[in-house]
Each structure stands twice: as structure tokens, then as C-alpha cells.
Amino acid sequence: MVLDHEIRGRTENTIDLTIEQIPYLIGIFRTEEFKKKYHIQNETDLTLGMVWGYLFRGFQDMFTVSYQRQPNQDEISEAVGLIFKRTDEIKEAIFKCG
């Protein structure tokens, strides 16, 4: 384990909070105006990609603020692993939105 307990916990907490926000994202992405304006064909894939990007960027920002440096490859790999382990939960939250 490369990441310390605090960063791991904060990353897990960010994942939890983001999962709670998925219904709001889906609500935005499913509006006809949004889909037409941005040529969205699959809001489920869009939501998953947005959530993954948000979580990864959130980790990078949190890490950089905490340690005053960019995470190295091992730290990034561990963070991606944390997000990947929770991807089924993220997908379930998306699919629960109908």
C-alpha cells in the first residue's frame, strides 16, 4: 500500500459522495436540450466517464494540496485501483436511475 490512510479514506469518501450525486448528473444528461446540444447518444456511458474523470482529478488535486507534489506512478495506480474497485457501485447507481 503506497497511499497513506488519510488519502485513501478521503478518496473513498469522495467516491461515496459522488455516487450520491449520480441521480442529479443523470437528470441533467437526460434532458433533450442537453442531449441535442452536446450530441449525447448514451448518457450512461457519459455519466460513468464523467464520474471516473471527476474522481481521478479529485484524487490528483487532493494529493497535490496535501503533499505539495504530483502523485507518482505507484500512487496513481493505487488511486485508480480504489476507483476501479468501486466501479460496480458506480454503475449500479447509474442503472438505478433508469
N, C-alpha and C. Protein backbone atom coordinates (compact mmCIF):
# COMPACT_ATOMS: atom_id res chain seq x y z
N MET A 1 0.85 -1.17 0.00
CA MET A 1 0.00 0.00 0.00
C MET A 1 0.90 1.24 0.00
N VAL A 2 0.75 2.05 -1.04
CA VAL A 2 1.58 3.24 -1.22
C VAL A 2 0.93 4.47 -0.58
N LEU A 3 -0.37 4.59 -0.72
CA LEU A 3 -1.08 5.76 -0.19
C LEU A 3 -1.28 5.62 1.31
N ASP A 4 -1.18 6.73 2.02
CA ASP A 4 -1.42 6.66 3.46
C ASP A 4 -2.91 6.56 3.75
N HIS A 5 -3.20 6.25 5.00
CA HIS A 5 -4.58 6.01 5.44
C HIS A 5 -5.48 7.22 5.19
N GLU A 6 -4.96 8.41 5.43
CA GLU A 6 -5.77 9.63 5.27
C GLU A 6 -6.20 9.83 3.82
N ILE A 7 -5.27 9.73 2.89
CA ILE A 7 -5.59 9.95 1.47
C ILE A 7 -6.52 8.85 0.97
N ARG A 8 -6.28 7.61 1.38
CA ARG A 8 -7.17 6.52 0.99
C ARG A 8 -8.59 6.79 1.50
N GLY A 9 -8.70 7.21 2.76
CA GLY A 9 -10.01 7.47 3.34
C GLY A 9 -10.72 8.63 2.67
N ARG A 10 -9.97 9.68 2.37
CA ARG A 10 -10.57 10.84 1.70
C ARG A 10 -10.99 10.47 0.27
N THR A 11 -10.22 9.63 -0.39
CA THR A 11 -10.60 9.19 -1.73
C THR A 11 -11.88 8.34 -1.67
N GLU A 12 -11.95 7.43 -0.72
CA GLU A 12 -13.17 6.61 -0.55
C GLU A 12 -14.37 7.51 -0.23
N ASN A 13 -14.17 8.51 0.61
CA ASN A 13 -15.26 9.43 0.95
C ASN A 13 -15.72 10.21 -0.28
N THR A 14 -14.78 10.62 -1.10
CA THR A 14 -15.13 11.33 -2.34
C THR A 14 -15.94 10.42 -3.26
N ILE A 15 -15.58 9.16 -3.33
CA ILE A 15 -16.35 8.20 -4.14
C ILE A 15 -17.76 8.09 -3.60
N ASP A 16 -17.91 7.95 -2.28
CA ASP A 16 -19.24 7.85 -1.67
C ASP A 16 -20.10 9.07 -2.01
N LEU A 17 -19.53 10.25 -1.83
CA LEU A 17 -20.28 11.48 -2.10
C LEU A 17 -20.64 11.62 -3.57
N THR A 18 -19.75 11.19 -4.44
CA THR A 18 -20.01 11.28 -5.87
C THR A 18 -21.11 10.32 -6.28
N ILE A 19 -21.12 9.13 -5.72
CA ILE A 19 -22.19 8.16 -6.02
C ILE A 19 -23.54 8.76 -5.64
N GLU A 20 -23.59 9.48 -4.54
CA GLU A 20 -24.85 10.12 -4.12
C GLU A 20 -25.32 11.18 -5.12
N GLN A 21 -24.40 11.78 -5.87
CA GLN A 21 -24.74 12.83 -6.82
C GLN A 21 -25.12 12.30 -8.21
N ILE A 22 -24.97 11.02 -8.44
CA ILE A 22 -25.24 10.46 -9.77
C ILE A 22 -26.66 10.74 -10.26
N PRO A 23 -27.69 10.62 -9.43
CA PRO A 23 -29.04 10.93 -9.95
C PRO A 23 -29.15 12.35 -10.50
N TYR A 24 -28.46 13.30 -9.92
CA TYR A 24 -28.50 14.68 -10.41
C TYR A 24 -27.81 14.80 -11.76
N LEU A 25 -26.65 14.12 -11.90
CA LEU A 25 -25.95 14.13 -13.18
C LEU A 25 -26.81 13.52 -14.28
N ILE A 26 -27.37 12.36 -13.99
CA ILE A 26 -28.21 11.67 -14.98
C ILE A 26 -29.37 12.56 -15.37
N GLY A 27 -29.96 13.25 -14.39
CA GLY A 27 -31.06 14.14 -14.68
C GLY A 27 -30.69 15.23 -15.67
N ILE A 28 -29.49 15.75 -15.54
CA ILE A 28 -29.01 16.77 -16.47
C ILE A 28 -28.73 16.16 -17.84
N PHE A 29 -28.03 15.04 -17.85
CA PHE A 29 -27.60 14.42 -19.11
C PHE A 29 -28.77 13.87 -19.93
N ARG A 30 -29.89 13.59 -19.28
CA ARG A 30 -31.02 13.01 -20.00
C ARG A 30 -32.00 14.05 -20.54
N THR A 31 -31.77 15.30 -20.28
CA THR A 31 -32.68 16.30 -20.85
C THR A 31 -32.45 16.38 -22.36
N GLU A 32 -33.52 16.57 -23.09
CA GLU A 32 -33.41 16.64 -24.54
C GLU A 32 -32.52 17.80 -24.97
N GLU A 33 -32.62 18.90 -24.26
CA GLU A 33 -31.80 20.08 -24.60
C GLU A 33 -30.31 19.74 -24.50
N PHE A 34 -29.91 19.09 -23.41
CA PHE A 34 -28.51 18.73 -23.21
C PHE A 34 -28.06 17.72 -24.27
N LYS A 35 -28.88 16.69 -24.48
CA LYS A 35 -28.51 15.65 -25.44
C LYS A 35 -28.38 16.21 -26.85
N LYS A 36 -29.28 17.12 -27.21
CA LYS A 36 -29.23 17.71 -28.54
C LYS A 36 -28.03 18.64 -28.68
N LYS A 37 -27.82 19.49 -27.69
CA LYS A 37 -26.74 20.47 -27.75
C LYS A 37 -25.36 19.81 -27.82
N TYR A 38 -25.18 18.72 -27.06
CA TYR A 38 -23.87 18.07 -26.99
C TYR A 38 -23.80 16.75 -27.74
N HIS A 39 -24.83 16.44 -28.49
CA HIS A 39 -24.88 15.24 -29.33
C HIS A 39 -24.64 13.96 -28.51
N ILE A 40 -25.32 13.87 -27.38
CA ILE A 40 -25.18 12.73 -26.48
C ILE A 40 -26.08 11.59 -26.97
N GLN A 41 -25.48 10.43 -27.14
CA GLN A 41 -26.24 9.26 -27.55
C GLN A 41 -26.40 8.26 -26.42
N ASN A 42 -25.47 8.24 -25.46
CA ASN A 42 -25.54 7.28 -24.37
C ASN A 42 -25.17 7.98 -23.06
N GLU A 43 -26.19 8.42 -22.34
CA GLU A 43 -25.93 9.16 -21.11
C GLU A 43 -25.35 8.28 -20.00
N THR A 44 -25.55 6.97 -20.08
CA THR A 44 -24.96 6.07 -19.09
C THR A 44 -23.44 6.06 -19.23
N ASP A 45 -22.95 5.90 -20.45
CA ASP A 45 -21.50 5.92 -20.67
C ASP A 45 -20.93 7.29 -20.34
N LEU A 46 -21.64 8.34 -20.70
CA LEU A 46 -21.19 9.69 -20.39
C LEU A 46 -21.06 9.87 -18.88
N THR A 47 -22.05 9.42 -18.14
CA THR A 47 -22.03 9.56 -16.68
C THR A 47 -20.87 8.79 -16.08
N LEU A 48 -20.66 7.56 -16.52
CA LEU A 48 -19.56 6.77 -15.99
C LEU A 48 -18.22 7.46 -16.28
N GLY A 49 -18.05 7.94 -17.48
CA GLY A 49 -16.81 8.64 -17.83
C GLY A 49 -16.62 9.92 -17.03
N MET A 50 -17.69 10.67 -16.86
CA MET A 50 -17.61 11.91 -16.09
C MET A 50 -17.25 11.61 -14.63
N VAL A 51 -17.88 10.61 -14.06
CA VAL A 51 -17.61 10.25 -12.67
C VAL A 51 -16.17 9.79 -12.51
N TRP A 52 -15.71 8.92 -13.40
CA TRP A 52 -14.32 8.46 -13.33
C TRP A 52 -13.36 9.65 -13.43
N GLY A 53 -13.59 10.53 -14.39
CA GLY A 53 -12.73 11.69 -14.55
C GLY A 53 -12.75 12.60 -13.34
N TYR A 54 -13.93 12.82 -12.81
CA TYR A 54 -14.07 13.65 -11.62
C TYR A 54 -13.31 13.05 -10.44
N LEU A 55 -13.47 11.75 -10.24
CA LEU A 55 -12.81 11.10 -9.11
C LEU A 55 -11.29 11.10 -9.26
N PHE A 56 -10.82 10.82 -10.47
CA PHE A 56 -9.38 10.80 -10.67
C PHE A 56 -8.79 12.20 -10.48
N ARG A 57 -9.43 13.19 -11.06
CA ARG A 57 -8.94 14.56 -10.92
C ARG A 57 -9.02 15.01 -9.46
N GLY A 58 -10.10 14.61 -8.79
CA GLY A 58 -10.23 14.94 -7.37
C GLY A 58 -9.10 14.35 -6.55
N PHE A 59 -8.75 13.10 -6.85
CA PHE A 59 -7.62 12.49 -6.16
C PHE A 59 -6.34 13.28 -6.42
N GLN A 60 -6.08 13.60 -7.68
CA GLN A 60 -4.85 14.34 -8.01
C GLN A 60 -4.79 15.68 -7.27
N ASP A 61 -5.89 16.40 -7.27
CA ASP A 61 -5.92 17.70 -6.59
C ASP A 61 -5.71 17.53 -5.08
N MET A 62 -6.40 16.58 -4.48
CA MET A 62 -6.29 16.34 -3.04
C MET A 62 -4.85 15.95 -2.68
N PHE A 63 -4.26 15.09 -3.48
CA PHE A 63 -2.90 14.65 -3.23
C PHE A 63 -1.93 15.82 -3.34
N THR A 64 -2.07 16.60 -4.40
CA THR A 64 -1.17 17.73 -4.63
C THR A 64 -1.26 18.76 -3.51
N VAL A 65 -2.46 19.05 -3.06
CA VAL A 65 -2.63 20.00 -1.96
C VAL A 65 -2.03 19.44 -0.66
N SER A 66 -2.24 18.16 -0.42
CA SER A 66 -1.75 17.54 0.81
C SER A 66 -0.23 17.41 0.86
N TYR A 67 0.39 17.08 -0.27
CA TYR A 67 1.82 16.77 -0.28
C TYR A 67 2.68 17.75 -1.08
N GLN A 68 2.05 18.75 -1.68
CA GLN A 68 2.77 19.77 -2.43
C GLN A 68 3.64 19.17 -3.56
N ARG A 69 3.12 18.11 -4.16
CA ARG A 69 3.77 17.48 -5.31
C ARG A 69 2.74 16.64 -6.04
N GLN A 70 3.05 16.30 -7.26
CA GLN A 70 2.17 15.43 -8.04
C GLN A 70 2.37 13.98 -7.59
N PRO A 71 1.31 13.17 -7.64
CA PRO A 71 1.48 11.76 -7.29
C PRO A 71 2.36 11.05 -8.32
N ASN A 72 3.12 10.06 -7.83
CA ASN A 72 3.95 9.28 -8.75
C ASN A 72 3.12 8.13 -9.34
N GLN A 73 3.73 7.36 -10.20
CA GLN A 73 3.00 6.29 -10.91
C GLN A 73 2.38 5.28 -9.95
N ASP A 74 3.10 4.89 -8.91
CA ASP A 74 2.56 3.92 -7.94
C ASP A 74 1.35 4.50 -7.20
N GLU A 75 1.42 5.76 -6.84
CA GLU A 75 0.31 6.41 -6.13
C GLU A 75 -0.90 6.55 -7.05
N ILE A 76 -0.65 6.89 -8.29
CA ILE A 76 -1.73 6.98 -9.26
C ILE A 76 -2.36 5.60 -9.47
N SER A 77 -1.54 4.59 -9.61
CA SER A 77 -2.05 3.23 -9.82
C SER A 77 -2.93 2.79 -8.66
N GLU A 78 -2.52 3.11 -7.44
CA GLU A 78 -3.33 2.72 -6.29
C GLU A 78 -4.66 3.48 -6.26
N ALA A 79 -4.61 4.75 -6.59
CA ALA A 79 -5.86 5.53 -6.62
C ALA A 79 -6.80 5.00 -7.69
N VAL A 80 -6.26 4.70 -8.86
CA VAL A 80 -7.09 4.13 -9.93
C VAL A 80 -7.67 2.80 -9.48
N GLY A 81 -6.89 2.02 -8.75
CA GLY A 81 -7.39 0.76 -8.21
C GLY A 81 -8.54 0.95 -7.25
N LEU A 82 -8.46 1.99 -6.40
CA LEU A 82 -9.55 2.28 -5.48
C LEU A 82 -10.83 2.62 -6.25
N ILE A 83 -10.68 3.44 -7.27
CA ILE A 83 -11.85 3.83 -8.07
C ILE A 83 -12.38 2.61 -8.82
N PHE A 84 -11.49 1.82 -9.41
CA PHE A 84 -11.90 0.65 -10.16
C PHE A 84 -12.67 -0.34 -9.29
N LYS A 85 -12.22 -0.54 -8.05
CA LYS A 85 -12.91 -1.46 -7.13
C LYS A 85 -14.34 -1.01 -6.85
N ARG A 86 -14.61 0.28 -6.98
CA ARG A 86 -15.94 0.81 -6.68
C ARG A 86 -16.77 1.03 -7.95
N THR A 87 -16.22 0.64 -9.11
CA THR A 87 -16.92 0.89 -10.37
C THR A 87 -18.26 0.17 -10.44
N ASP A 88 -18.37 -1.03 -9.89
CA ASP A 88 -19.66 -1.71 -9.90
C ASP A 88 -20.71 -0.93 -9.12
N GLU A 89 -20.32 -0.33 -7.99
CA GLU A 89 -21.24 0.52 -7.23
C GLU A 89 -21.65 1.75 -8.04
N ILE A 90 -20.69 2.33 -8.73
CA ILE A 90 -20.97 3.50 -9.55
C ILE A 90 -21.96 3.12 -10.66
N LYS A 91 -21.70 2.01 -11.34
CA LYS A 91 -22.60 1.56 -12.40
C LYS A 91 -23.99 1.25 -11.86
N GLU A 92 -24.06 0.62 -10.70
CA GLU A 92 -25.35 0.31 -10.09
C GLU A 92 -26.14 1.59 -9.81
N ALA A 93 -25.45 2.60 -9.29
CA ALA A 93 -26.12 3.89 -9.03
C ALA A 93 -26.64 4.50 -10.31
N ILE A 94 -25.87 4.36 -11.39
CA ILE A 94 -26.32 4.89 -12.69
C ILE A 94 -27.54 4.12 -13.18
N PHE A 95 -27.49 2.80 -13.12
CA PHE A 95 -28.58 1.98 -13.63
C PHE A 95 -29.86 2.11 -12.78
N LYS A 96 -29.71 2.41 -11.50
CA LYS A 96 -30.87 2.63 -10.64
C LYS A 96 -31.67 3.85 -11.07
N CYS A 97 -31.03 4.74 -11.81
CA CYS A 97 -31.71 5.95 -12.27
C CYS A 97 -32.63 5.66 -13.46
N GLY A 98 -32.58 4.44 -13.94
CA GLY A 98 -33.47 4.04 -15.02
C GLY A 98 -32.97 4.21 -16.40
